[in-house]
C-alpha atoms as a PDB file:
ATOM      1  CA  UNK A   1       0.413   0.035  -0.218  1.00  0.00           C
ATOM      2  CA  UNK A   2       2.739   2.135   0.233  1.00  0.00           C
ATOM      3  CA  UNK A   3       2.950   3.664   3.560  1.00  0.00           C
ATOM      4  CA  UNK A   4       6.161   4.806   4.924  1.00  0.00           C
ATOM      5  CA  UNK A   5       7.549   3.218   8.463  1.00  0.00           C
ATOM      6  CA  UNK A   6       6.309   5.524  11.052  1.00  0.00           C
ATOM      7  CA  UNK A   7       6.614   5.687  15.176  1.00  0.00           C
ATOM      8  CA  UNK A   8       3.977   3.152  16.375  1.00  0.00           C
ATOM      9  CA  UNK A   9       0.697   3.610  15.663  1.00  0.00           C
ATOM     10  CA  UNK A  10      -2.034   4.656  17.968  1.00  0.00           C
ATOM     11  CA  UNK A  11      -5.810   4.285  17.294  1.00  0.00           C
ATOM     12  CA  UNK A  12      -7.053   8.017  18.654  1.00  0.00           C
ATOM     13  CA  UNK A  13     -11.057   7.472  18.157  1.00  0.00           C
ATOM     14  CA  UNK A  14     -13.357   5.674  19.959  1.00  0.00           C
ATOM     15  CA  UNK A  15     -15.617   3.135  17.919  1.00  0.00           C
ATOM     16  CA  UNK A  16     -17.369  -0.098  17.273  1.00  0.00           C
ATOM     17  CA  UNK A  17     -15.974  -2.441  14.330  1.00  0.00           C
ATOM     18  CA  UNK A  18     -18.697  -4.941  13.699  1.00  0.00           C
ATOM     19  CA  UNK A  19     -16.763  -8.292  11.402  1.00  0.00           C
ATOM     20  CA  UNK A  20     -19.276  -9.831   9.599  1.00  0.00           C
ATOM     21  CA  UNK A  21     -18.199 -13.268   9.306  1.00  0.00           C
ATOM     22  CA  UNK A  22     -18.881 -16.794   9.962  1.00  0.00           C
ATOM     23  CA  UNK A  23     -15.405 -17.394  10.665  1.00  0.00           C
ATOM     24  CA  UNK A  24     -14.488 -17.278  14.524  1.00  0.00           C
ATOM     25  CA  UNK A  25     -10.364 -17.549  13.150  1.00  0.00           C
ATOM     26  CA  UNK A  26     -10.609 -14.305  11.330  1.00  0.00           C
ATOM     27  CA  UNK A  27     -12.412 -12.408  14.518  1.00  0.00           C
ATOM     28  CA  UNK A  28      -9.344 -14.169  16.932  1.00  0.00           C
ATOM     29  CA  UNK A  29      -7.123 -12.610  13.802  1.00  0.00           C
ATOM     30  CA  UNK A  30      -8.592  -9.158  14.267  1.00  0.00           C
ATOM     31  CA  UNK A  31      -9.325  -9.174  17.635  1.00  0.00           C
ATOM     32  CA  UNK A  32      -5.127 -10.108  18.670  1.00  0.00           C
ATOM     33  CA  UNK A  33      -4.957  -6.730  16.416  1.00  0.00           C
ATOM     34  CA  UNK A  34      -7.114  -4.663  18.505  1.00  0.00           C
ATOM     35  CA  UNK A  35      -5.550  -5.660  21.614  1.00  0.00           C
ATOM     36  CA  UNK A  36      -3.757  -2.891  22.709  1.00  0.00           C
ATOM     37  CA  UNK A  37      -6.077  -0.477  21.029  1.00  0.00           C
ATOM     38  CA  UNK A  38      -8.390   0.163  24.014  1.00  0.00           C
ATOM     39  CA  UNK A  39     -10.311   2.355  22.319  1.00  0.00           C
ATOM     40  CA  UNK A  40     -11.524   0.057  18.979  1.00  0.00           C
ATOM     41  CA  UNK A  41     -14.274  -3.355  20.268  1.00  0.00           C
ATOM     42  CA  UNK A  42     -14.832  -5.313  17.451  1.00  0.00           C
ATOM     43  CA  UNK A  43     -17.913  -7.529  17.615  1.00  0.00           C
ATOM     44  CA  UNK A  44     -19.065 -10.199  15.750  1.00  0.00           C
ATOM     45  CA  UNK A  45     -22.196 -10.622  13.247  1.00  0.00           C
ATOM     46  CA  UNK A  46     -23.378 -12.413  10.644  1.00  0.00           C
ATOM     47  CA  UNK A  47     -26.003  -9.949   9.652  1.00  0.00           C
ATOM     48  CA  UNK A  48     -25.656  -5.908   9.306  1.00  0.00           C
ATOM     49  CA  UNK A  49     -29.018  -5.971  11.454  1.00  0.00           C
ATOM     50  CA  UNK A  50     -30.546  -2.190  11.041  1.00  0.00           C
ATOM     51  CA  UNK A  51     -28.456  -0.134  13.623  1.00  0.00           C
ATOM     52  CA  UNK A  52     -24.963   1.693  12.721  1.00  0.00           C
ATOM     53  CA  UNK A  53     -21.495   1.193  12.997  1.00  0.00           C
ATOM     54  CA  UNK A  54     -18.315   3.166  13.155  1.00  0.00           C
ATOM     55  CA  UNK A  55     -16.751   0.513  10.482  1.00  0.00           C
ATOM     56  CA  UNK A  56     -18.506  -3.182   9.129  1.00  0.00           C
ATOM     57  CA  UNK A  57     -15.901  -5.850   8.035  1.00  0.00           C
ATOM     58  CA  UNK A  58     -17.204  -7.499   5.616  1.00  0.00           C
ATOM     59  CA  UNK A  59     -15.512 -10.979   5.148  1.00  0.00           C
ATOM     60  CA  UNK A  60     -16.611 -11.541   1.631  1.00  0.00           C
ATOM     61  CA  UNK A  61     -15.174 -15.104   1.596  1.00  0.00           C
ATOM     62  CA  UNK A  62     -18.001 -16.266   4.438  1.00  0.00           C
ATOM     63  CA  UNK A  63     -21.107 -15.047   1.400  1.00  0.00           C
ATOM     64  CA  UNK A  64     -22.297 -17.304  -1.777  1.00  0.00           C
ATOM     65  CA  UNK A  65     -22.389 -14.563  -5.161  1.00  0.00           C
ATOM     66  CA  UNK A  66     -25.638 -14.808  -4.467  1.00  0.00           C
ATOM     67  CA  UNK A  67     -25.634 -13.434  -0.541  1.00  0.00           C
ATOM     68  CA  UNK A  68     -23.908 -10.729  -1.566  1.00  0.00           C
ATOM     69  CA  UNK A  69     -26.540  -8.365  -3.074  1.00  0.00           C
ATOM     70  CA  UNK A  70     -28.021  -8.619   0.004  1.00  0.00           C
ATOM     71  CA  UNK A  71     -25.316  -7.999   2.216  1.00  0.00           C
ATOM     72  CA  UNK A  72     -24.062  -5.262   0.565  1.00  0.00           C
ATOM     73  CA  UNK A  73     -27.884  -3.987   0.089  1.00  0.00           C
ATOM     74  CA  UNK A  74     -28.657  -3.918   3.978  1.00  0.00           C
ATOM     75  CA  UNK A  75     -25.301  -2.181   4.680  1.00  0.00           C
ATOM     76  CA  UNK A  76     -25.603   0.885   2.210  1.00  0.00           C
ATOM     77  CA  UNK A  77     -25.782   4.325   4.029  1.00  0.00           C
ATOM     78  CA  UNK A  78     -25.059   2.350   8.016  1.00  0.00           C
ATOM     79  CA  UNK A  79     -21.241   3.630   8.313  1.00  0.00           C
ATOM     80  CA  UNK A  80     -17.928   2.957   6.295  1.00  0.00           C
ATOM     81  CA  UNK A  81     -17.637  -0.528   5.217  1.00  0.00           C
ATOM     82  CA  UNK A  82     -14.937  -2.377   3.665  1.00  0.00           C
ATOM     83  CA  UNK A  83     -13.684  -5.842   1.958  1.00  0.00           C
ATOM     84  CA  UNK A  84     -11.834  -8.388   4.391  1.00  0.00           C
ATOM     85  CA  UNK A  85     -10.302 -11.957   3.249  1.00  0.00           C
ATOM     86  CA  UNK A  86     -10.140 -10.966  -0.079  1.00  0.00           C
ATOM     87  CA  UNK A  87      -7.536 -11.010  -3.243  1.00  0.00           C
ATOM     88  CA  UNK A  88      -7.477  -7.894  -5.048  1.00  0.00           C
ATOM     89  CA  UNK A  89      -9.049  -9.730  -8.148  1.00  0.00           C
ATOM     90  CA  UNK A  90     -12.133 -10.622  -5.900  1.00  0.00           C
ATOM     91  CA  UNK A  91     -12.319  -7.327  -4.360  1.00  0.00           C
ATOM     92  CA  UNK A  92     -12.140  -5.396  -7.406  1.00  0.00           C
ATOM     93  CA  UNK A  93     -15.371  -5.885  -9.371  1.00  0.00           C
ATOM     94  CA  UNK A  94     -17.066  -5.028  -6.244  1.00  0.00           C
ATOM     95  CA  UNK A  95     -15.292  -1.793  -5.883  1.00  0.00           C
ATOM     96  CA  UNK A  96     -16.915  -0.986  -8.835  1.00  0.00           C
ATOM     97  CA  UNK A  97     -19.892  -1.891  -8.683  1.00  0.00           C
ATOM     98  CA  UNK A  98     -20.423  -0.627  -4.965  1.00  0.00           C
ATOM     99  CA  UNK A  99     -18.330   2.059  -5.131  1.00  0.00           C
ATOM    100  CA  UNK A 100     -19.208   3.469  -1.944  1.00  0.00           C
ATOM    101  CA  UNK A 101     -17.144   0.792  -0.340  1.00  0.00           C
ATOM    102  CA  UNK A 102     -14.441   2.253   1.475  1.00  0.00           C
ATOM    103  CA  UNK A 103     -11.445  -0.356   2.058  1.00  0.00           C
ATOM    104  CA  UNK A 104     -10.335  -3.244   1.288  1.00  0.00           C
ATOM    105  CA  UNK A 105      -7.803  -5.392   3.556  1.00  0.00           C
ATOM    106  CA  UNK A 106      -6.420  -8.037   1.722  1.00  0.00           C
ATOM    107  CA  UNK A 107      -5.522 -11.307   3.170  1.00  0.00           C
ATOM    108  CA  UNK A 108      -2.527 -11.271   3.873  1.00  0.00           C
ATOM    109  CA  UNK A 109      -2.518  -7.783   5.093  1.00  0.00           C
ATOM    110  CA  UNK A 110       0.159  -7.018   8.777  1.00  0.00           C
ATOM    111  CA  UNK A 111      -1.212  -5.772  11.687  1.00  0.00           C
ATOM    112  CA  UNK A 112       0.508  -2.102  11.242  1.00  0.00           C
ATOM    113  CA  UNK A 113      -0.940  -1.260   7.811  1.00  0.00           C
ATOM    114  CA  UNK A 114      -4.766  -2.951   9.425  1.00  0.00           C
ATOM    115  CA  UNK A 115      -4.405  -0.565  12.380  1.00  0.00           C
ATOM    116  CA  UNK A 116      -3.954   2.415  10.452  1.00  0.00           C
ATOM    117  CA  UNK A 117      -6.021   1.457   7.350  1.00  0.00           C
ATOM    118  CA  UNK A 118      -8.639   1.261   9.939  1.00  0.00           C
ATOM    119  CA  UNK A 119      -8.415   4.735  11.043  1.00  0.00           C
ATOM    120  CA  UNK A 120      -8.224   6.055   8.012  1.00  0.00           C
ATOM    121  CA  UNK A 121     -11.442   5.256   7.428  1.00  0.00           C
ATOM    122  CA  UNK A 122     -12.887   5.610  11.084  1.00  0.00           C
ATOM    123  CA  UNK A 123     -12.004   9.516   9.978  1.00  0.00           C
ATOM    124  CA  UNK A 124     -13.513   9.470   6.322  1.00  0.00           C
ATOM    125  CA  UNK A 125     -10.696   8.681   4.241  1.00  0.00           C
ATOM    126  CA  UNK A 126     -10.142   5.299   1.938  1.00  0.00           C
ATOM    127  CA  UNK A 127      -7.882   2.807   1.978  1.00  0.00           C
ATOM    128  CA  UNK A 128      -6.879   0.651  -1.016  1.00  0.00           C
ATOM    129  CA  UNK A 129      -4.081  -1.893  -1.792  1.00  0.00           C
ATOM    130  CA  UNK A 130      -1.992   0.515  -4.343  1.00  0.00           C
ATOM    131  CA  UNK A 131      -2.573  -2.416  -7.091  1.00  0.00           C
ATOM    132  CA  UNK A 132      -6.764  -1.577  -6.910  1.00  0.00           C
ATOM    133  CA  UNK A 133      -6.023   1.883  -6.617  1.00  0.00           C
ATOM    134  CA  UNK A 134      -3.929   2.057  -9.830  1.00  0.00           C
ATOM    135  CA  UNK A 135      -6.520   0.023 -11.881  1.00  0.00           C
ATOM    136  CA  UNK A 136      -9.645   2.534 -10.514  1.00  0.00           C
ATOM    137  CA  UNK A 137      -7.483   5.266 -11.559  1.00  0.00           C
ATOM    138  CA  UNK A 138      -6.680   3.815 -15.131  1.00  0.00           C
ATOM    139  CA  UNK A 139     -10.101   3.323 -15.464  1.00  0.00           C
ATOM    140  CA  UNK A 140     -11.581   6.823 -14.778  1.00  0.00           C
ATOM    141  CA  UNK A 141      -8.608   8.591 -17.005  1.00  0.00           C
ATOM    142  CA  UNK A 142     -10.688   6.582 -19.465  1.00  0.00           C
ATOM    143  CA  UNK A 143     -14.099   8.014 -18.866  1.00  0.00           C
ATOM    144  CA  UNK A 144     -15.210  10.857 -21.328  1.00  0.00           C
ATOM    145  CA  UNK A 145     -14.711  14.327 -19.312  1.00  0.00           C
ATOM    146  CA  UNK A 146     -19.012  14.827 -17.877  1.00  0.00           C
ATOM    147  CA  UNK A 147     -18.887  18.234 -19.664  1.00  0.00           C
ATOM    148  CA  UNK A 148     -18.593  16.780 -23.017  1.00  0.00           C
ATOM    149  CA  UNK A 149     -21.580  13.946 -22.474  1.00  0.00           C
ATOM    150  CA  UNK A 150     -24.938  15.738 -23.339  1.00  0.00           C
ATOM    151  CA  UNK A 151     -27.440  13.069 -21.759  1.00  0.00           C
ATOM    152  CA  UNK A 152     -31.544  13.219 -21.462  1.00  0.00           C
ATOM    153  CA  UNK A 153     -32.379   9.946 -18.593  1.00  0.00           C
ATOM    154  CA  UNK A 154     -36.207   9.578 -17.596  1.00  0.00           C
ATOM    155  CA  UNK A 155     -37.610  10.022 -14.211  1.00  0.00           C
ATOM    156  CA  UNK A 156     -37.827   6.285 -14.523  1.00  0.00           C
ATOM    157  CA  UNK A 157     -34.021   5.663 -14.708  1.00  0.00           C
ATOM    158  CA  UNK A 158     -33.075   7.916 -12.428  1.00  0.00           C
ATOM    159  CA  UNK A 159     -35.635   5.935 -10.127  1.00  0.00           C
ATOM    160  CA  UNK A 160     -33.215   2.553 -10.792  1.00  0.00           C
ATOM    161  CA  UNK A 161     -29.692   4.271 -11.017  1.00  0.00           C
ATOM    162  CA  UNK A 162     -30.888   5.101  -7.019  1.00  0.00           C
ATOM    163  CA  UNK A 163     -31.681   1.666  -6.668  1.00  0.00           C
ATOM    164  CA  UNK A 164     -28.256   0.438  -7.854  1.00  0.00           C
ATOM    165  CA  UNK A 165     -25.941   2.537  -6.361  1.00  0.00           C
ATOM    166  CA  UNK A 166     -28.091   1.234  -3.425  1.00  0.00           C
ATOM    167  CA  UNK A 167     -26.219  -2.086  -4.990  1.00  0.00           C
ATOM    168  CA  UNK A 168     -29.529  -3.390  -5.151  1.00  0.00           C
ATOM    169  CA  UNK A 169     -29.693  -6.726  -8.071  1.00  0.00           C
ATOM    170  CA  UNK A 170     -32.615  -6.714 -11.012  1.00  0.00           C
ATOM    171  CA  UNK A 171     -34.849  -8.742  -8.748  1.00  0.00           C
ATOM    172  CA  UNK A 172     -35.019  -6.740  -6.344  1.00  0.00           C
ATOM    173  CA  UNK A 173     -35.280  -3.189  -8.339  1.00  0.00           C
ATOM    174  CA  UNK A 174     -37.962  -5.243 -10.367  1.00  0.00           C
ATOM    175  CA  UNK A 175     -39.713  -6.087  -6.660  1.00  0.00           C
ATOM    176  CA  UNK A 176     -39.585  -2.147  -5.933  1.00  0.00           C
ATOM    177  CA  UNK A 177     -40.745  -0.831  -8.671  1.00  0.00           C
ATOM    178  CA  UNK A 178     -43.241  -3.319  -9.539  1.00  0.00           C
ATOM    179  CA  UNK A 179     -41.355  -4.542 -13.195  1.00  0.00           C
ATOM    180  CA  UNK A 180     -40.392  -7.505 -14.279  1.00  0.00           C
ATOM    181  CA  UNK A 181     -36.907  -8.578 -13.597  1.00  0.00           C
ATOM    182  CA  UNK A 182     -36.471  -8.108 -17.833  1.00  0.00           C
ATOM    183  CA  UNK A 183     -37.995  -4.972 -18.173  1.00  0.00           C
ATOM    184  CA  UNK A 184     -35.030  -3.785 -15.980  1.00  0.00           C
ATOM    185  CA  UNK A 185     -32.504  -5.389 -17.234  1.00  0.00           C
ATOM    186  CA  UNK A 186     -33.540  -3.544 -20.406  1.00  0.00           C
ATOM    187  CA  UNK A 187     -33.280  -0.434 -18.722  1.00  0.00           C
ATOM    188  CA  UNK A 188     -29.957  -1.376 -17.208  1.00  0.00           C
ATOM    189  CA  UNK A 189     -28.294  -2.246 -20.933  1.00  0.00           C
ATOM    190  CA  UNK A 190     -30.558   1.071 -22.378  1.00  0.00           C
ATOM    191  CA  UNK A 191     -28.752   3.354 -18.860  1.00  0.00           C
ATOM    192  CA  UNK A 192     -25.382   2.125 -20.409  1.00  0.00           C
ATOM    193  CA  UNK A 193     -25.436   2.383 -23.678  1.00  0.00           C
ATOM    194  CA  UNK A 194     -26.809   6.282 -22.725  1.00  0.00           C
ATOM    195  CA  UNK A 195     -24.068   7.014 -20.303  1.00  0.00           C
ATOM    196  CA  UNK A 196     -21.460   5.575 -21.997  1.00  0.00           C
ATOM    197  CA  UNK A 197     -20.587   3.401 -18.682  1.00  0.00           C
ATOM    198  CA  UNK A 198     -18.807   0.036 -18.870  1.00  0.00           C
ATOM    199  CA  UNK A 199     -21.081  -1.380 -16.191  1.00  0.00           C
ATOM    200  CA  UNK A 200     -23.548  -0.667 -13.565  1.00  0.00           C
ATOM    201  CA  UNK A 201     -21.244   1.650 -10.311  1.00  0.00           C
ATOM    202  CA  UNK A 202     -19.619   3.876 -12.854  1.00  0.00           C
ATOM    203  CA  UNK A 203     -23.237   4.566 -14.688  1.00  0.00           C
ATOM    204  CA  UNK A 204     -24.615   5.169 -10.916  1.00  0.00           C
ATOM    205  CA  UNK A 205     -21.690   7.234 -10.091  1.00  0.00           C
ATOM    206  CA  UNK A 206     -21.326   9.934 -13.596  1.00  0.00           C
ATOM    207  CA  UNK A 207     -25.106  10.616 -13.251  1.00  0.00           C
ATOM    208  CA  UNK A 208     -25.575  10.585  -9.463  1.00  0.00           C
ATOM    209  CA  UNK A 209     -22.012  11.782  -8.562  1.00  0.00           C
ATOM    210  CA  UNK A 210     -22.460  14.309  -9.819  1.00  0.00           C
ATOM    211  CA  UNK A 211     -21.215  13.373 -13.596  1.00  0.00           C
ATOM    212  CA  UNK A 212     -23.510  14.501 -16.044  1.00  0.00           C
ATOM    213  CA  UNK A 213     -26.265  17.131 -15.709  1.00  0.00           C
END
């Protein structure tokens, strides 16, 4: 991650960390990481529930591909989210699809980097591996300049994009809008073509993140 050597780390912010995982060994490892940080408390959880947290740690390996969209939908708006126990290759499509993910801790992340990352996230920053950051920057540079793009979207298309940004899959969007999944799929396909985006997450970022008028 390109972190320079510095004096011993201390976390100034008191916060609850919630680990969404079924891996007790991973929980023990993180408890060991923070045992000398009395300001931090780690809780084990299998569901996001309704409460907010200082930082959500999502163990990607504990959920199937079909379960992850529901988990991300539950987490949206409840505080910063970081992926843990993950490879860069696994994290990249998730960060692209859910651009509000704030952090990524790969499986081999050492204790000092973990603590520095947690502190950065609790202070409102982002913490991503250098390789993943470079990939995302390359994608950003390939995008059109927003000021040069003129796109008119219908109110229905914007409504769908809002739900896409929350991480909902087509089936849940269809259920909320009382439309068929096929209709939602067609809307998303047309949106990508209109906006010139490579994927759903990029389209939501361009339009709803201030990229397009």
